[in-house]
Protein backbone atom coordinates (compact mmCIF):
# COMPACT_ATOMS: atom_id res chain seq x y z
CA MET A 1 -18.94 -11.95 -21.21
CA ALA A 2 -19.48 -8.21 -20.61
CA VAL A 3 -16.65 -5.70 -20.85
CA THR A 4 -17.20 -4.95 -17.15
CA SER A 5 -16.44 -8.57 -16.20
CA GLN A 6 -13.65 -9.09 -13.67
CA ASN A 7 -11.02 -11.79 -13.47
CA ASP A 8 -11.60 -13.97 -10.39
CA GLN A 9 -8.14 -13.15 -8.99
CA TYR A 10 -8.82 -9.43 -9.43
CA ALA A 11 -12.17 -9.64 -7.65
CA ALA A 12 -10.58 -11.55 -4.76
CA MET A 13 -7.80 -8.97 -4.27
CA LEU A 14 -9.71 -5.72 -4.84
CA GLU A 15 -10.55 -5.20 -1.18
CA GLU A 16 -6.96 -5.82 -0.10
CA TRP A 17 -5.60 -3.39 -2.70
CA GLN A 18 -7.99 -0.74 -1.42
CA GLU A 19 -6.84 -1.42 2.14
CA MET A 20 -3.21 -0.98 1.07
CA GLU A 21 -4.05 2.24 -0.78
CA ASP A 22 -5.70 3.62 2.36
CA ALA A 23 -2.76 2.45 4.47
CA LEU A 24 -0.43 4.53 2.28
CA ILE A 25 -2.63 7.63 2.44
CA GLY A 26 -2.77 7.28 6.21
CA PRO A 27 -5.12 8.53 8.95
CA ARG A 28 -7.32 10.60 6.61
CA ALA A 29 -8.28 7.61 4.44
CA ILE A 30 -8.51 5.16 7.35
CA SER A 31 -10.81 7.50 9.27
CA ALA A 32 -12.93 8.10 6.17
CA GLY A 33 -13.32 4.31 5.90
CA GLY A 34 -15.52 4.45 9.00
CA THR A 35 -16.81 1.08 10.17
CA THR A 36 -14.86 -0.71 7.44
CA TYR A 37 -11.72 -0.23 9.53
CA LEU A 38 -13.18 0.57 12.96
CA PRO A 39 -16.41 -1.28 13.83
CA LYS A 40 -18.87 0.27 16.25
CA THR A 41 -19.13 -1.19 19.73
CA SER A 42 -22.31 -3.02 20.72
CA GLY A 43 -23.17 -0.08 23.01
CA MET A 44 -22.97 2.39 20.13
CA ILE A 45 -25.16 0.19 17.95
CA GLU A 46 -27.71 -0.09 20.76
CA ALA A 47 -27.62 3.68 21.39
CA GLU A 48 -28.33 4.45 17.72
CA SER A 49 -31.16 1.92 17.72
CA LEU A 50 -32.63 3.47 20.86
CA ALA A 51 -32.30 7.00 19.46
CA ALA A 52 -34.51 6.04 16.53
CA THR A 53 -37.43 5.19 18.85
CA GLU A 54 -40.01 7.55 20.32
CA ASN A 55 -39.38 9.10 23.74
CA SER A 56 -35.68 8.32 23.52
CA PRO A 57 -33.42 10.31 25.89
CA LEU A 58 -30.90 10.52 23.04
CA THR A 59 -31.30 12.25 19.73
CA VAL A 60 -30.08 10.51 16.59
CA GLU A 61 -27.28 13.08 16.29
CA GLN A 62 -26.17 12.51 19.88
CA ALA A 63 -26.04 8.76 19.30
CA LYS A 64 -23.90 9.25 16.18
CA GLN A 65 -21.51 11.46 18.12
CA LEU A 66 -20.60 8.51 20.36
CA TYR A 67 -18.98 6.73 17.42
CA LEU A 68 -17.43 9.89 15.98
CA ALA A 69 -15.73 10.63 19.32
CA TYR A 70 -14.54 7.03 19.55
CA LYS A 71 -13.08 7.22 16.03
CA ARG A 72 -11.39 10.59 16.60
CA ARG A 73 -9.51 9.23 19.61
CA ALA A 74 -8.09 6.32 17.61
CA GLU A 75 -4.55 6.64 16.25
CA TYR A 76 -3.40 5.20 12.93
CA PRO A 77 0.42 4.96 12.64
CA LEU A 78 2.30 5.78 9.41
CA TRP A 79 4.40 2.64 9.47
CA VAL A 80 3.68 1.60 5.88
CA LYS A 81 4.37 5.03 4.37
CA ASP A 82 7.58 5.52 6.36
CA SER A 83 8.84 2.00 5.61
CA LEU A 84 8.09 2.33 1.90
CA ARG A 85 10.08 5.58 1.80
CA THR A 86 13.05 3.85 3.44
CA MET A 87 12.91 0.86 1.09
CA VAL A 88 12.59 2.90 -2.10
CA GLY A 89 15.43 5.08 -0.87
CA LEU A 90 17.60 1.98 -0.51
CA VAL A 91 16.68 0.79 -4.02
CA SER A 92 17.30 4.23 -5.54
CA ARG A 93 21.01 3.80 -4.83
CA GLN A 94 21.15 0.94 -7.32
CA GLU A 95 22.19 2.03 -10.81
CA PRO A 96 20.52 0.06 -13.62
CA GLU A 97 22.56 -1.25 -16.52
CA ILE A 98 20.85 0.26 -19.58
CA GLN A 99 21.68 -0.44 -23.20
CA LEU A 100 19.44 0.69 -26.04
CA PRO A 101 19.83 1.19 -29.80
CA GLU A 102 20.18 4.77 -30.97
CA ARG A 103 16.58 5.12 -32.12
CA MET A 104 15.34 4.17 -28.63
CA ALA A 105 17.87 6.23 -26.66
CA ASP A 106 15.34 8.98 -25.82
CA LEU A 107 13.51 6.50 -23.58
CA ILE A 108 16.34 6.67 -21.05
CA ASP A 109 15.25 10.19 -20.07
CA GLU A 110 11.62 10.14 -21.23
CA ALA A 111 9.96 6.75 -21.01
CA THR A 112 6.52 7.41 -19.50
CA SER A 113 3.49 9.34 -20.68
CA ASP A 114 4.22 12.03 -18.08
CA GLY A 115 7.83 12.45 -19.18
CA PHE A 116 9.88 10.49 -16.64
CA GLY A 117 12.89 8.35 -17.49
CA LEU A 118 13.55 4.65 -17.12
CA LYS A 119 15.06 4.81 -13.63
CA GLN A 120 12.10 6.76 -12.27
CA LEU A 121 9.78 4.24 -13.95
CA TYR A 122 11.73 1.43 -12.30
CA LEU A 123 11.37 3.02 -8.84
CA ARG A 124 7.64 3.49 -9.41
CA ILE A 125 7.33 -0.20 -10.23
CA VAL A 126 9.27 -1.20 -7.10
CA SER A 127 6.98 0.99 -4.99
CA ALA A 128 3.87 -0.53 -6.55
CA LEU A 129 5.16 -4.08 -6.09
CA LEU A 130 5.91 -3.50 -2.40
CA THR A 131 2.43 -2.11 -1.71
CA LYS A 132 0.19 -3.87 -4.24
CA GLY A 133 2.31 -6.76 -5.54
CA ARG A 134 1.42 -5.76 -9.11
CA LYS A 135 2.11 -3.10 -11.76
CA PRO A 136 0.52 -3.43 -15.24
CA MET A 137 2.26 -1.73 -18.20
CA LEU A 138 1.58 -1.29 -21.90
CA ALA A 139 3.86 -0.33 -24.80
CA GLU A 140 2.46 2.59 -26.82
CA PHE A 141 3.38 5.16 -29.46
CA ASP A 142 2.31 8.81 -29.27
CA ASP A 143 0.85 10.87 -32.11
CA ASN A 144 4.37 11.75 -33.27
CA GLY A 145 5.42 8.12 -33.54
CA ARG A 146 7.58 8.16 -30.41
CA PRO A 147 7.42 5.12 -28.12
CA TYR A 148 6.56 5.27 -24.44
CA ILE A 149 5.43 2.97 -21.65
CA ALA A 150 1.92 3.51 -20.26
CA THR A 151 1.46 2.42 -16.67
CA TYR A 152 -1.67 1.35 -14.84
CA THR A 153 -2.51 0.51 -11.24
CA ALA A 154 -3.49 -2.93 -10.03
CA GLU A 155 -7.07 -1.66 -9.65
CA THR A 156 -7.32 -0.44 -13.27
CA ALA A 157 -6.61 -3.84 -14.85
CA PRO A 158 -9.81 -5.75 -14.04
CA ASN A 159 -9.59 -8.53 -16.57
CA TRP A 160 -7.11 -10.64 -18.53
CA LEU A 161 -6.94 -14.04 -20.17
CA THR A 162 -4.01 -16.24 -21.15
CA ALA A 163 -3.70 -19.22 -23.45
CA ASP A 164 -1.05 -21.78 -24.27
CA ALA A 165 1.11 -20.72 -27.21
CA GLY A 166 3.91 -23.08 -28.13
CA GLY A 167 4.28 -24.35 -24.58
CA ARG A 168 4.10 -20.96 -22.83
CA GLN A 169 1.26 -18.86 -21.47
CA ASP A 170 0.66 -15.70 -23.51
CA LEU A 171 -1.87 -12.94 -22.98
CA THR A 172 -4.89 -13.17 -25.28
CA LEU A 173 -7.01 -10.48 -23.63
CA VAL A 174 -6.25 -7.50 -21.40
CA VAL A 175 -8.81 -4.92 -20.23
CA PHE A 176 -7.75 -1.60 -18.69
CA THR A 177 -10.11 1.02 -17.27
CA GLU A 178 -9.37 4.69 -17.98
CA GLN A 179 -10.97 7.98 -16.97
CA ARG A 180 -11.84 10.30 -19.86
CA LEU A 181 -13.09 13.85 -19.73
CA LYS A 182 -16.75 14.07 -20.68
CA ASP A 183 -17.66 16.11 -23.72
CA GLY A 184 -18.75 19.62 -22.78
CA ALA A 185 -17.51 19.31 -19.19
CA ASP A 186 -17.02 22.50 -17.16
CA GLU A 187 -13.38 23.60 -17.41
CA PHE A 188 -13.30 24.49 -13.70
CA LYS A 189 -15.12 21.37 -12.50
CA PRO A 190 -14.28 18.56 -14.92
CA GLU A 191 -16.39 15.42 -15.05
CA TYR A 192 -15.04 12.06 -16.12
CA GLU A 193 -16.45 8.82 -17.42
CA THR A 194 -15.01 5.32 -17.29
CA VAL A 195 -13.99 3.75 -20.58
CA TYR A 196 -12.45 0.35 -21.25
CA ARG A 197 -9.32 -0.17 -23.31
CA VAL A 198 -9.68 -3.70 -24.62
CA LEU A 199 -6.59 -5.40 -26.04
CA ASP A 200 -6.96 -8.76 -27.72
CA LEU A 201 -5.78 -10.92 -30.59
CA GLU A 202 -8.36 -10.97 -33.35
CA ASP A 203 -8.63 -14.50 -34.71
CA GLY A 204 -5.82 -15.31 -32.30
CA GLN A 205 -3.22 -13.68 -34.57
CA ARG A 206 -3.68 -9.93 -34.95
CA TYR A 207 -3.26 -7.37 -32.13
CA ARG A 208 -6.35 -5.21 -31.81
CA VAL A 209 -7.12 -2.17 -29.64
CA ARG A 210 -10.70 -1.13 -28.91
CA ILE A 211 -12.18 1.60 -26.70
CA LEU A 212 -15.58 0.62 -25.28
CA ASN A 213 -18.07 2.21 -22.90
CA GLU A 214 -19.65 0.37 -19.96
CA ALA A 215 -22.39 -0.95 -22.23
CA GLY A 216 -19.76 -2.58 -24.43
CA ASP A 217 -20.29 -0.22 -27.37
CA GLU A 218 -17.32 0.99 -29.40
CA ILE A 219 -16.72 4.72 -29.00
CA GLU A 220 -13.72 4.77 -31.33
CA SER A 221 -12.80 2.77 -34.40
CA PRO A 222 -10.67 -0.31 -33.65
CA GLU A 223 -6.93 -0.01 -34.25
CA TYR A 224 -4.62 -2.73 -35.56
CA PRO A 225 -1.10 -1.57 -34.68
CA GLY A 226 1.57 -3.00 -36.91
CA LEU A 227 5.33 -2.85 -37.03
CA VAL A 228 7.13 0.50 -36.79
CA GLY A 229 4.41 1.85 -34.52
CA GLY A 230 1.60 2.41 -36.99
CA SER A 231 -1.16 0.58 -38.80
CA GLN A 232 1.26 -1.28 -41.03
CA SER A 233 0.66 -4.30 -43.21
CA THR A 234 2.62 -6.54 -40.85
CA PRO A 235 0.53 -6.79 -37.67
CA LEU A 236 1.74 -7.48 -34.16
CA THR A 237 0.98 -11.02 -33.15
CA PHE A 238 1.13 -10.41 -29.38
CA ILE A 239 -0.27 -8.00 -26.79
CA PRO A 240 2.61 -5.68 -25.72
CA ALA A 241 1.59 -5.65 -22.05
CA VAL A 242 3.44 -6.85 -18.94
CA PHE A 243 2.12 -7.45 -15.43
CA ALA A 244 5.08 -6.82 -13.15
CA GLY A 245 4.74 -8.83 -9.94
CA SER A 246 6.42 -9.19 -6.57
CA THR A 247 7.45 -12.81 -7.20
CA ASP A 248 7.38 -13.08 -11.02
CA ASN A 249 5.97 -11.29 -14.04
CA SER A 250 3.18 -13.66 -14.99
CA ALA A 251 -0.36 -12.29 -15.30
CA ASP A 252 -1.38 -13.98 -12.04
CA VAL A 253 -1.84 -11.79 -8.97
CA ASP A 254 1.11 -11.88 -6.55
CA GLU A 255 1.36 -11.41 -2.80
CA ILE A 256 1.83 -7.97 -1.23
CA PRO A 257 5.18 -7.66 0.63
CA LEU A 258 4.06 -4.88 3.00
CA GLN A 259 0.62 -6.32 3.70
CA THR A 260 1.62 -7.84 7.05
CA MET A 261 2.78 -4.43 8.23
CA ALA A 262 -0.43 -2.78 7.01
CA LYS A 263 -2.52 -5.37 8.84
CA ALA A 264 -0.55 -4.75 12.04
CA ALA A 265 -1.07 -0.98 11.68
CA LEU A 266 -4.81 -1.47 11.19
CA LYS A 267 -5.07 -3.72 14.24
CA TYR A 268 -3.10 -1.13 16.23
CA TYR A 269 -5.61 1.51 15.09
CA GLN A 270 -8.55 -0.59 16.32
CA LEU A 271 -6.87 -1.34 19.65
CA SER A 272 -5.93 2.32 20.11
CA ALA A 273 -9.58 3.34 19.82
CA ASP A 274 -10.42 1.17 22.84
CA TYR A 275 -7.24 2.19 24.65
CA PHE A 276 -7.77 5.94 24.37
CA ALA A 277 -11.50 5.61 25.03
CA SER A 278 -10.62 3.74 28.24
CA LEU A 279 -8.19 6.47 29.27
CA HIS A 280 -10.87 9.08 28.54
CA TYR A 281 -13.47 7.36 30.70
CA THR A 282 -10.93 6.82 33.47
CA ALA A 283 -10.17 10.56 33.51
CA HIS A 284 -13.83 11.62 33.26
CA PRO A 285 -15.94 9.66 35.76
CA GLN A 286 -19.75 9.99 35.61
CA PRO A 287 -21.27 11.75 38.67
CA TRP A 288 -24.50 10.44 40.21
CA ILE A 289 -26.88 11.83 42.86
CA ALA A 290 -29.65 10.10 44.86
CA MET A 291 -32.13 12.19 46.91
CA ASN A 292 -35.01 11.19 49.18
CA GLY A 293 -38.16 13.30 49.09
CA ASP A 294 -38.48 16.72 47.55
CA GLY A 295 -35.45 18.42 49.00
CA ASP A 296 -33.57 20.94 46.91
CA MET A 297 -30.00 20.50 45.72
CA ARG A 298 -27.72 23.49 45.29
CA VAL A 299 -24.35 23.83 43.58
CA THR A 300 -21.95 26.38 45.01
CA GLY A 301 -18.29 27.35 45.19
CA PRO A 302 -15.62 27.87 42.51
CA MET A 303 -15.17 24.11 42.11
CA ALA A 304 -18.94 23.43 41.98
CA ALA A 305 -19.49 21.79 45.38
CA TRP A 306 -22.85 20.03 45.78
CA MET A 307 -25.13 20.75 48.72
CA LEU A 308 -27.58 17.85 49.13
CA PRO A 309 -30.71 17.68 51.26
CA GLU A 310 -30.82 15.43 54.30
CA GLY A 311 -30.59 11.79 53.28
CA GLY A 312 -29.15 12.56 49.85
CA THR A 313 -26.09 10.74 48.60
CA CYS A 314 -23.76 11.18 45.62
CA GLY A 315 -20.73 9.61 44.02
CA TYR A 316 -18.98 8.77 40.76
CA LEU A 317 -19.41 5.90 38.37
CA GLU A 318 -15.72 5.37 37.78
CA PHE A 319 -14.12 3.26 35.08
CA GLN A 320 -11.57 1.11 36.90
CA GLY A 321 -9.41 0.51 33.82
CA ALA A 322 -8.44 -3.06 34.61
CA GLY A 323 -8.11 -3.85 30.90
CA ILE A 324 -6.04 -0.81 29.93
CA GLU A 325 -2.72 -2.57 30.50
CA ALA A 326 -3.86 -5.51 28.37
CA LEU A 327 -4.77 -3.12 25.55
CA ARG A 328 -1.41 -1.36 25.82
CA LYS A 329 0.39 -4.72 25.64
CA ALA A 330 -1.66 -5.76 22.60
CA MET A 331 -0.77 -2.49 20.86
CA GLN A 332 2.92 -3.12 21.55
CA ASP A 333 2.57 -6.61 20.08
CA GLN A 334 1.30 -5.06 16.83
CA GLN A 335 4.22 -2.60 16.83
CA ASN A 336 6.64 -5.49 17.23
CA ALA A 337 4.93 -7.44 14.42
CA ALA A 338 5.12 -4.41 12.09
CA ALA A 339 8.82 -3.84 12.82
CA GLU A 340 9.63 -7.51 12.26
CA SER A 341 7.68 -7.73 8.99
CA GLY A 342 9.32 -4.58 7.61
CA ALA A 343 12.79 -5.84 8.48
CA LYS A 344 12.04 -9.19 6.82
CA VAL A 345 11.09 -7.51 3.55
CA ILE A 346 14.38 -5.59 3.51
CA ASP A 347 16.55 -8.47 4.77
CA ILE A 348 18.73 -9.85 1.97
CA GLY A 349 21.11 -11.83 4.14
CA GLY A 350 24.21 -9.65 3.98
CA GLN A 351 26.64 -12.28 5.32
CA GLU A 352 25.08 -15.44 3.90
CA SER A 353 26.88 -17.72 1.50
CA GLY A 354 25.67 -17.76 -2.08
CA GLU A 355 23.87 -21.09 -1.68
CA ALA A 356 22.30 -20.10 1.63
CA ARG A 357 21.09 -16.81 0.21
CA LYS A 358 19.69 -18.52 -2.87
CA ALA A 359 17.82 -21.06 -0.74
CA ARG A 360 16.32 -18.39 1.48
CA GLN A 361 15.34 -16.15 -1.43
CA ASN A 362 13.56 -19.10 -3.03
CA ASP A 363 11.64 -19.41 0.21
CA GLN A 364 10.91 -15.69 0.58
CA HIS A 365 10.20 -14.37 -2.89
CA SER A 366 8.57 -11.17 -1.61
CA ALA A 367 11.86 -9.86 -0.19
CA LEU A 368 13.12 -6.54 -1.52
CA TYR A 369 15.82 -8.34 -3.50
CA SER A 370 13.23 -10.30 -5.47
CA VAL A 371 11.12 -7.18 -6.08
CA CYS A 372 14.14 -5.35 -7.51
CA VAL A 373 14.89 -8.19 -9.92
CA THR A 374 11.32 -8.69 -11.17
CA ALA A 375 10.81 -4.93 -11.61
CA ALA A 376 13.94 -4.70 -13.77
CA GLU A 377 12.90 -7.72 -15.82
CA ALA A 378 9.49 -6.14 -16.44
CA VAL A 379 11.07 -2.90 -17.71
CA GLU A 380 13.41 -4.87 -19.97
CA GLN A 381 10.51 -6.86 -21.42
CA MET A 382 8.61 -3.65 -22.20
CA LEU A 383 11.66 -2.21 -23.96
CA ARG A 384 12.03 -5.38 -26.00
CA TYR A 385 8.39 -5.20 -27.05
CA ILE A 386 8.97 -1.63 -28.25
CA ALA A 387 12.16 -2.61 -30.10
CA TYR A 388 10.40 -5.43 -31.90
CA TRP A 389 7.46 -3.14 -32.65
CA MET A 390 9.91 -0.68 -34.22
CA GLY A 391 11.06 -3.37 -36.62
CA MET A 392 14.14 -4.86 -34.94
CA LYS A 393 14.85 -8.54 -35.44
CA GLU A 394 14.59 -10.84 -32.44
CA ALA A 395 18.35 -11.53 -32.40
CA GLU A 396 19.09 -7.78 -32.44
CA VAL A 397 16.60 -7.13 -29.67
CA THR A 398 18.24 -9.66 -27.38
CA LYS A 399 21.71 -8.17 -27.87
CA GLN A 400 20.91 -4.44 -27.99
CA VAL A 401 18.09 -3.99 -25.48
CA ILE A 402 19.20 -4.42 -21.88
CA PHE A 403 17.81 -3.12 -18.60
CA LYS A 404 19.20 -4.97 -15.62
CA VAL A 405 19.47 -4.34 -11.92
CA ILE A 406 21.49 -6.86 -9.93
CA PRO A 407 20.95 -5.59 -6.38
CA LYS A 408 24.24 -5.09 -4.60
CA PHE A 409 23.20 -3.80 -1.23
CA SER A 410 26.07 -3.49 1.19
CA LYS A 411 25.60 -4.90 4.65
CA GLU A 412 25.83 -1.37 6.04
CA GLU A 413 23.06 -0.12 3.73
CA VAL A 414 20.80 -3.04 4.58
CA ASP A 415 21.42 -2.67 8.31
CA ALA A 416 20.70 1.07 8.12
CA ALA A 417 17.47 0.53 6.18
CA MET A 418 16.30 -2.27 8.47
CA LEU A 419 17.07 -0.24 11.55
CA GLN A 420 15.39 2.86 10.09
CA VAL A 421 12.14 0.90 9.72
CA VAL A 422 12.38 -0.41 13.29
CA TYR A 423 13.58 2.94 14.66
CA ASN A 424 10.66 4.82 13.05
CA ILE A 425 8.15 2.46 14.63
CA VAL A 426 9.82 2.59 18.03
CA GLN A 427 10.07 6.39 18.02
CA SER A 428 6.69 7.21 16.51
CA ASP A 429 4.52 5.22 18.88
CA ARG A 430 6.80 4.27 21.77
CA ALA A 431 7.13 0.61 21.00
CA PRO A 432 9.46 -1.09 23.49
CA ASN A 433 13.10 -0.14 23.05
CA GLU A 434 13.86 -3.85 23.27
CA VAL A 435 12.62 -4.20 19.67
CA LEU A 436 15.33 -1.79 18.49
CA PHE A 437 17.97 -3.36 20.73
CA GLU A 438 17.32 -6.83 19.32
CA SER A 439 17.65 -5.45 15.76
CA LEU A 440 20.98 -3.86 16.67
CA ARG A 441 22.26 -7.18 17.94
CA LYS A 442 21.05 -9.05 14.84
CA ALA A 443 22.86 -6.52 12.65
CA GLY A 444 26.07 -7.25 14.55
CA LEU A 445 26.38 -3.64 15.70
CA THR A 446 26.48 -4.48 19.38
CA ASP A 447 26.51 -7.38 21.82
CA LYS A 448 25.48 -5.25 24.81
CA SER A 449 22.55 -6.10 27.06
CA ASP A 450 19.28 -4.13 27.10
CA GLU A 451 20.34 -2.43 30.33
CA GLU A 452 23.66 -1.30 28.84
CA LEU A 453 21.95 0.03 25.70
CA ILE A 454 19.39 1.95 27.76
CA SER A 455 22.31 3.60 29.53
CA LEU A 456 23.86 4.49 26.18
CA MET A 457 20.57 6.03 25.00
CA THR A 458 20.64 8.47 27.92
CA THR A 459 24.18 9.54 27.05
CA GLY A 460 23.71 9.69 23.25
CA GLY A 461 26.00 6.74 22.60
CA LEU A 462 23.53 4.31 21.03
CA PRO A 463 25.34 2.56 18.10
CA LEU A 464 23.07 3.43 15.15
CA PRO A 465 24.67 3.11 11.70
CA GLU A 466 25.10 6.06 9.36
CA GLY A 467 21.86 6.88 7.58
CA VAL A 468 19.51 6.28 10.52
CA ASP A 469 18.03 9.60 11.57
């Protein structure tokens, strides 16, 4: 097996992770994706084929411009980015319970390689789980012997293996890709190369770290980290890596909570291209002229009136737009689907009984509540790996290393966050107000009819909770 080999689950999800990454970046990335996200119409394909032939009335460049104009008219909404901001904002109000021994206390304020503390790390994990369903992490020590937690993206962990160890599944191989500056690279235009950080258990018992190039050759001497953070005589017998997930923290790939919203936004983008192209053609009819014989045609007047010879006729090829309303309705359907999916991710059942909430959470593991819990458990596991690595006994680790978040969202906070997601979608792209009204009724903020709420909107009396802009 080559170092560039990919786990089957990774290979299956790579395209979806890229789609989610582009959804977060927004219109710039989606537009740059070209036909990946917006296929050409059959007419555009035929025009480009015709332009490549001899005696074509179209140049190749003119044929390409048909698609570029079509793509520029399309509109990609920022539903995913706006919803993620709302959800992370809701989570940021939760204060983790943190307990660490004195020698690990610095991690509270400086836990990552770029100097951020544990709470910021936790929020980063929550964000990654909502958008990718996965956040790989690795316990490390810097050159000064200080511990930290290295983080990777879902895309930079291409391979892993697990094996049964005493009745549980433990990691036996993890491969991370990293970008390293090439030797002799220009300081003003740096060039990077991909290297592979390979973590495994030599002979199934001794933690080993190797840095390989794409050919599988070692470019650094292997390291065998031992207790207290160095190459000690007592080796680590496990790989100190954790794959945080949206449903649990096993190495398996998890579902993506915001994927339904991203899919709806992408479908809206595709529909909008046809919608706005239809509006364009409706507003710009194609003139035509038919003349008999050799008579001359003249154009005169400030509005370019045509003077035709006897027997000449003219008119417009006009797009009737019969399908425009169907396109508009389909776009609204995608807006509704996005609003509903975002609200479902946030929904934690503010007024449910304990048993009812537990039953529903077991059925909907990708809810924000579940993401908060698994993210906290992943951070705690990383801290325990570091504590053990620093020489603490297992009993001490369990008692002295704690990082917990038990989400305690108030009904008002949840309602505000849910409504903010729906409100953003309604306001940004003019989704039907009925979507917002139904959310208000579900939140118990009103029992008024749509007509009564429309009246309140005109007078500024719509009952939005505090926190909704």
